[in-house]
PDB file of N, CA and C in Angstrom:
ATOM      1  N   MET A   1       9.099 136.193 177.962  1.00  0.00           N
ATOM      2  CA  MET A   1      10.160 135.213 178.486  1.00  0.00           C
ATOM      3  C   MET A   1      11.638 135.999 177.837  1.00  0.00           C
ATOM      4  N   ALA A   2      11.061 136.182 176.478  1.00  0.00           N
ATOM      5  CA  ALA A   2      12.240 136.740 176.129  1.00  0.00           C
ATOM      6  C   ALA A   2      13.172 138.009 176.626  1.00  0.00           C
ATOM      7  N   VAL A   3      12.348 138.964 177.490  1.00  0.00           N
ATOM      8  CA  VAL A   3      13.307 139.824 178.222  1.00  0.00           C
ATOM      9  C   VAL A   3      14.257 138.761 179.355  1.00  0.00           C
ATOM     10  N   PHE A   4      13.755 137.985 179.644  1.00  0.00           N
ATOM     11  CA  PHE A   4      14.593 137.334 180.277  1.00  0.00           C
ATOM     12  C   PHE A   4      15.679 136.625 179.857  1.00  0.00           C
ATOM     13  N   ALA A   5      15.017 136.000 178.700  1.00  0.00           N
ATOM     14  CA  ALA A   5      16.275 135.790 177.970  1.00  0.00           C
ATOM     15  C   ALA A   5      17.548 136.710 177.796  1.00  0.00           C
ATOM     16  N   ARG A   6      17.315 138.015 177.148  1.00  0.00           N
ATOM     17  CA  ARG A   6      18.431 138.489 177.052  1.00  0.00           C
ATOM     18  C   ARG A   6      18.727 139.133 178.627  1.00  0.00           C
ATOM     19  N   ALA A   7      17.939 138.929 179.644  1.00  0.00           N
ATOM     20  CA  ALA A   7      19.062 139.253 180.931  1.00  0.00           C
ATOM     21  C   ALA A   7      20.113 138.967 181.257  1.00  0.00           C
ATOM     22  N   SER A   8      20.945 139.751 181.823  1.00  0.00           N
ATOM     23  CA  SER A   8      22.467 138.663 182.364  1.00  0.00           C
ATOM     24  C   SER A   8      21.869 138.690 183.769  1.00  0.00           C
ATOM     25  N   GLY A   9      21.230 138.821 184.594  1.00  0.00           N
ATOM     26  CA  GLY A   9      20.759 138.310 185.558  1.00  0.00           C
ATOM     27  C   GLY A   9      18.766 138.415 186.057  1.00  0.00           C
ATOM     28  N   PRO A  10      18.398 138.145 187.248  1.00  0.00           N
ATOM     29  CA  PRO A  10      17.498 138.242 187.591  1.00  0.00           C
ATOM     30  C   PRO A  10      16.779 139.357 187.670  1.00  0.00           C
ATOM     31  N   LEU A  11      15.602 139.178 187.188  1.00  0.00           N
ATOM     32  CA  LEU A  11      15.059 141.262 186.849  1.00  0.00           C
ATOM     33  C   LEU A  11      14.302 141.425 187.936  1.00  0.00           C
ATOM     34  N   ARG A  12      13.653 142.673 187.954  1.00  0.00           N
ATOM     35  CA  ARG A  12      12.971 143.096 189.221  1.00  0.00           C
ATOM     36  C   ARG A  12      11.154 143.436 188.559  1.00  0.00           C
ATOM     37  N   ALA A  13      10.159 143.626 189.066  1.00  0.00           N
ATOM     38  CA  ALA A  13       8.992 144.067 188.317  1.00  0.00           C
ATOM     39  C   ALA A  13       9.381 145.411 187.504  1.00  0.00           C
ATOM     40  N   ARG A  14       9.992 146.304 187.936  1.00  0.00           N
ATOM     41  CA  ARG A  14       9.918 147.850 187.732  1.00  0.00           C
ATOM     42  C   ARG A  14      10.969 147.776 186.763  1.00  0.00           C
ATOM     43  N   GLY A  15      11.848 146.424 186.646  1.00  0.00           N
ATOM     44  CA  GLY A  15      13.360 146.272 185.516  1.00  0.00           C
ATOM     45  C   GLY A  15      12.136 145.748 184.288  1.00  0.00           C
ATOM     46  N   LEU A  16      11.411 144.787 184.425  1.00  0.00           N
ATOM     47  CA  LEU A  16      10.792 144.303 183.314  1.00  0.00           C
ATOM     48  C   LEU A  16       9.844 145.006 183.075  1.00  0.00           C
ATOM     49  N   CYS A  17       9.011 146.018 183.351  1.00  0.00           N
ATOM     50  CA  CYS A  17       7.932 146.914 182.638  1.00  0.00           C
ATOM     51  C   CYS A  17       8.853 148.230 182.196  1.00  0.00           C
ATOM     52  N   GLU A  18       9.986 148.358 182.499  1.00  0.00           N
ATOM     53  CA  GLU A  18      10.840 148.973 181.575  1.00  0.00           C
ATOM     54  C   GLU A  18      11.006 148.511 180.531  1.00  0.00           C
ATOM     55  N   ALA A  19      11.607 147.426 180.245  1.00  0.00           N
ATOM     56  CA  ALA A  19      12.262 146.808 178.997  1.00  0.00           C
ATOM     57  C   ALA A  19      10.810 146.342 178.442  1.00  0.00           C
ATOM     58  N   MET A  20       9.756 146.432 178.435  1.00  0.00           N
ATOM     59  CA  MET A  20       8.762 145.959 177.861  1.00  0.00           C
ATOM     60  C   MET A  20       8.006 147.653 177.529  1.00  0.00           C
ATOM     61  N   ASP A  21       8.372 148.583 178.397  1.00  0.00           N
ATOM     62  CA  ASP A  21       8.137 149.596 177.966  1.00  0.00           C
ATOM     63  C   ASP A  21       6.237 149.650 178.567  1.00  0.00           C
ATOM     64  N   LEU A  22       6.335 149.649 179.679  1.00  0.00           N
ATOM     65  CA  LEU A  22       5.119 149.243 180.310  1.00  0.00           C
ATOM     66  C   LEU A  22       5.245 150.397 181.989  1.00  0.00           C
ATOM     67  N   PRO A  23       5.602 151.373 181.975  1.00  0.00           N
ATOM     68  CA  PRO A  23       6.167 151.789 183.202  1.00  0.00           C
ATOM     69  C   PRO A  23       5.079 152.210 184.467  1.00  0.00           C
ATOM     70  N   LYS A  24       3.589 151.938 183.954  1.00  0.00           N
ATOM     71  CA  LYS A  24       2.692 152.424 184.843  1.00  0.00           C
ATOM     72  C   LYS A  24       1.597 151.107 185.617  1.00  0.00           C
ATOM     73  N   HIS A  25       2.452 150.097 184.383  1.00  0.00           N
ATOM     74  CA  HIS A  25       1.834 148.515 185.290  1.00  0.00           C
ATOM     75  C   HIS A  25       2.684 147.369 186.122  1.00  0.00           C
ATOM     76  N   THR A  26       3.641 148.371 186.988  1.00  0.00           N
ATOM     77  CA  THR A  26       4.542 147.350 187.973  1.00  0.00           C
ATOM     78  C   THR A  26       3.691 146.713 188.940  1.00  0.00           C
ATOM     79  N   GLU A  27       2.954 147.051 189.681  1.00  0.00           N
ATOM     80  CA  GLU A  27       1.707 146.009 190.291  1.00  0.00           C
ATOM     81  C   GLU A  27       1.377 144.947 189.707  1.00  0.00           C
ATOM     82  N   GLY A  28       0.980 145.029 188.510  1.00  0.00           N
ATOM     83  CA  GLY A  28       0.554 144.159 187.971  1.00  0.00           C
ATOM     84  C   GLY A  28       1.217 143.068 187.049  1.00  0.00           C
ATOM     85  N   ILE A  29       2.254 143.754 186.498  1.00  0.00           N
ATOM     86  CA  ILE A  29       3.603 142.927 186.269  1.00  0.00           C
ATOM     87  C   ILE A  29       4.081 142.054 187.723  1.00  0.00           C
ATOM     88  N   ARG A  30       4.319 142.154 188.520  1.00  0.00           N
ATOM     89  CA  ARG A  30       4.541 141.860 190.001  1.00  0.00           C
ATOM     90  C   ARG A  30       4.067 140.737 190.313  1.00  0.00           C
ATOM     91  N   ALA A  31       2.251 140.821 190.150  1.00  0.00           N
ATOM     92  CA  ALA A  31       1.309 139.714 190.456  1.00  0.00           C
ATOM     93  C   ALA A  31       1.300 138.656 188.990  1.00  0.00           C
ATOM     94  N   LYS A  32       1.698 138.974 187.969  1.00  0.00           N
ATOM     95  CA  LYS A  32       1.585 138.376 187.114  1.00  0.00           C
ATOM     96  C   LYS A  32       3.113 137.233 187.287  1.00  0.00           C
ATOM     97  N   LEU A  33       4.087 137.992 187.842  1.00  0.00           N
ATOM     98  CA  LEU A  33       5.332 137.308 187.712  1.00  0.00           C
ATOM     99  C   LEU A  33       5.047 136.087 189.178  1.00  0.00           C
ATOM    100  N   LYS A  34       4.350 136.421 189.643  1.00  0.00           N
ATOM    101  CA  LYS A  34       4.241 135.492 191.225  1.00  0.00           C
ATOM    102  C   LYS A  34       3.229 134.643 190.642  1.00  0.00           C
ATOM    103  N   LEU A  35       2.359 134.542 190.160  1.00  0.00           N
ATOM    104  CA  LEU A  35       1.888 133.419 189.456  1.00  0.00           C
ATOM    105  C   LEU A  35       2.663 132.644 188.663  1.00  0.00           C
ATOM    106  N   LEU A  36       3.137 132.819 187.947  1.00  0.00           N
ATOM    107  CA  LEU A  36       4.933 132.354 187.051  1.00  0.00           C
ATOM    108  C   LEU A  36       5.206 131.263 188.063  1.00  0.00           C
ATOM    109  N   VAL A  37       5.709 131.704 189.067  1.00  0.00           N
ATOM    110  CA  VAL A  37       6.439 131.434 190.005  1.00  0.00           C
ATOM    111  C   VAL A  37       5.902 129.888 190.885  1.00  0.00           C
ATOM    112  N   GLU A  38       4.407 130.585 191.196  1.00  0.00           N
ATOM    113  CA  GLU A  38       3.774 129.133 191.693  1.00  0.00           C
ATOM    114  C   GLU A  38       3.834 128.516 190.278  1.00  0.00           C
ATOM    115  N   GLN A  39       3.355 128.355 189.235  1.00  0.00           N
ATOM    116  CA  GLN A  39       2.952 127.797 188.182  1.00  0.00           C
ATOM    117  C   GLN A  39       4.582 126.986 187.663  1.00  0.00           C
ATOM    118  N   GLY A  40       5.669 127.180 188.176  1.00  0.00           N
ATOM    119  CA  GLY A  40       7.199 126.955 188.310  1.00  0.00           C
ATOM    120  C   GLY A  40       7.622 127.429 186.497  1.00  0.00           C
ATOM    121  N   ILE A  41       7.024 127.795 186.168  1.00  0.00           N
ATOM    122  CA  ILE A  41       7.552 128.602 185.137  1.00  0.00           C
ATOM    123  C   ILE A  41       9.191 129.655 185.487  1.00  0.00           C
ATOM    124  N   LEU A  42       8.545 130.510 186.447  1.00  0.00           N
ATOM    125  CA  LEU A  42       9.945 131.230 186.701  1.00  0.00           C
ATOM    126  C   LEU A  42      10.175 131.019 188.179  1.00  0.00           C
ATOM    127  N   THR A  43      11.085 131.382 188.880  1.00  0.00           N
ATOM    128  CA  THR A  43      11.550 131.299 190.219  1.00  0.00           C
ATOM    129  C   THR A  43      12.173 132.910 190.843  1.00  0.00           C
ATOM    130  N   GLU A  44      11.985 132.887 191.822  1.00  0.00           N
ATOM    131  CA  GLU A  44      12.309 134.056 192.344  1.00  0.00           C
ATOM    132  C   GLU A  44      13.311 133.669 193.359  1.00  0.00           C
ATOM    133  N   THR A  45      15.063 134.158 192.841  1.00  0.00           N
ATOM    134  CA  THR A  45      16.247 133.980 193.577  1.00  0.00           C
ATOM    135  C   THR A  45      16.070 134.918 195.148  1.00  0.00           C
ATOM    136  N   GLU A  46      15.747 135.776 195.093  1.00  0.00           N
ATOM    137  CA  GLU A  46      15.516 136.553 196.254  1.00  0.00           C
ATOM    138  C   GLU A  46      14.346 137.508 195.952  1.00  0.00           C
ATOM    139  N   ARG A  47      13.886 137.757 197.423  1.00  0.00           N
ATOM    140  CA  ARG A  47      12.174 138.421 197.180  1.00  0.00           C
ATOM    141  C   ARG A  47      12.630 139.551 196.313  1.00  0.00           C
ATOM    142  N   GLY A  48      11.723 139.918 195.500  1.00  0.00           N
ATOM    143  CA  GLY A  48      11.303 140.855 194.338  1.00  0.00           C
ATOM    144  C   GLY A  48      12.189 140.659 193.136  1.00  0.00           C
ATOM    145  N   LEU A  49      13.084 139.476 193.062  1.00  0.00           N
ATOM    146  CA  LEU A  49      14.233 139.248 191.921  1.00  0.00           C
ATOM    147  C   LEU A  49      13.374 137.942 191.411  1.00  0.00           C
ATOM    148  N   PHE A  50      13.486 137.891 189.701  1.00  0.00           N
ATOM    149  CA  PHE A  50      12.673 136.625 189.308  1.00  0.00           C
ATOM    150  C   PHE A  50      13.636 136.885 188.103  1.00  0.00           C
ATOM    151  N   THR A  51      13.681 135.234 188.091  1.00  0.00           N
ATOM    152  CA  THR A  51      14.796 135.108 186.208  1.00  0.00           C
ATOM    153  C   THR A  51      13.433 133.528 186.422  1.00  0.00           C
ATOM    154  N   HIS A  52      13.866 133.022 184.844  1.00  0.00           N
ATOM    155  CA  HIS A  52      13.518 131.979 184.703  1.00  0.00           C
ATOM    156  C   HIS A  52      14.102 131.059 184.879  1.00  0.00           C
ATOM    157  N   LEU A  53      13.305 129.412 184.693  1.00  0.00           N
ATOM    158  CA  LEU A  53      14.069 128.295 185.300  1.00  0.00           C
ATOM    159  C   LEU A  53      14.845 127.837 184.078  1.00  0.00           C
ATOM    160  N   ARG A  54      16.220 127.455 184.528  1.00  0.00           N
ATOM    161  CA  ARG A  54      17.055 126.562 183.510  1.00  0.00           C
ATOM    162  C   ARG A  54      16.431 125.511 183.297  1.00  0.00           C
ATOM    163  N   PRO A  55      16.839 124.745 181.965  1.00  0.00           N
ATOM    164  CA  PRO A  55      16.089 123.233 182.101  1.00  0.00           C
ATOM    165  C   PRO A  55      17.895 122.649 182.384  1.00  0.00           C
TER     166      PRO A  55
END
């Protein structure tokens, strides 16, 4: 969540992986992001663009 807090806008899974230094885990991270959207923790503003929910 810290990466989303520092981001100036929505992130793609690839950008998140690069920020966390996990370049080969894009598909796994994308799946986790989709789960976080289902749980209401993140939102998907456009297809493939994820951001955290604002209180």
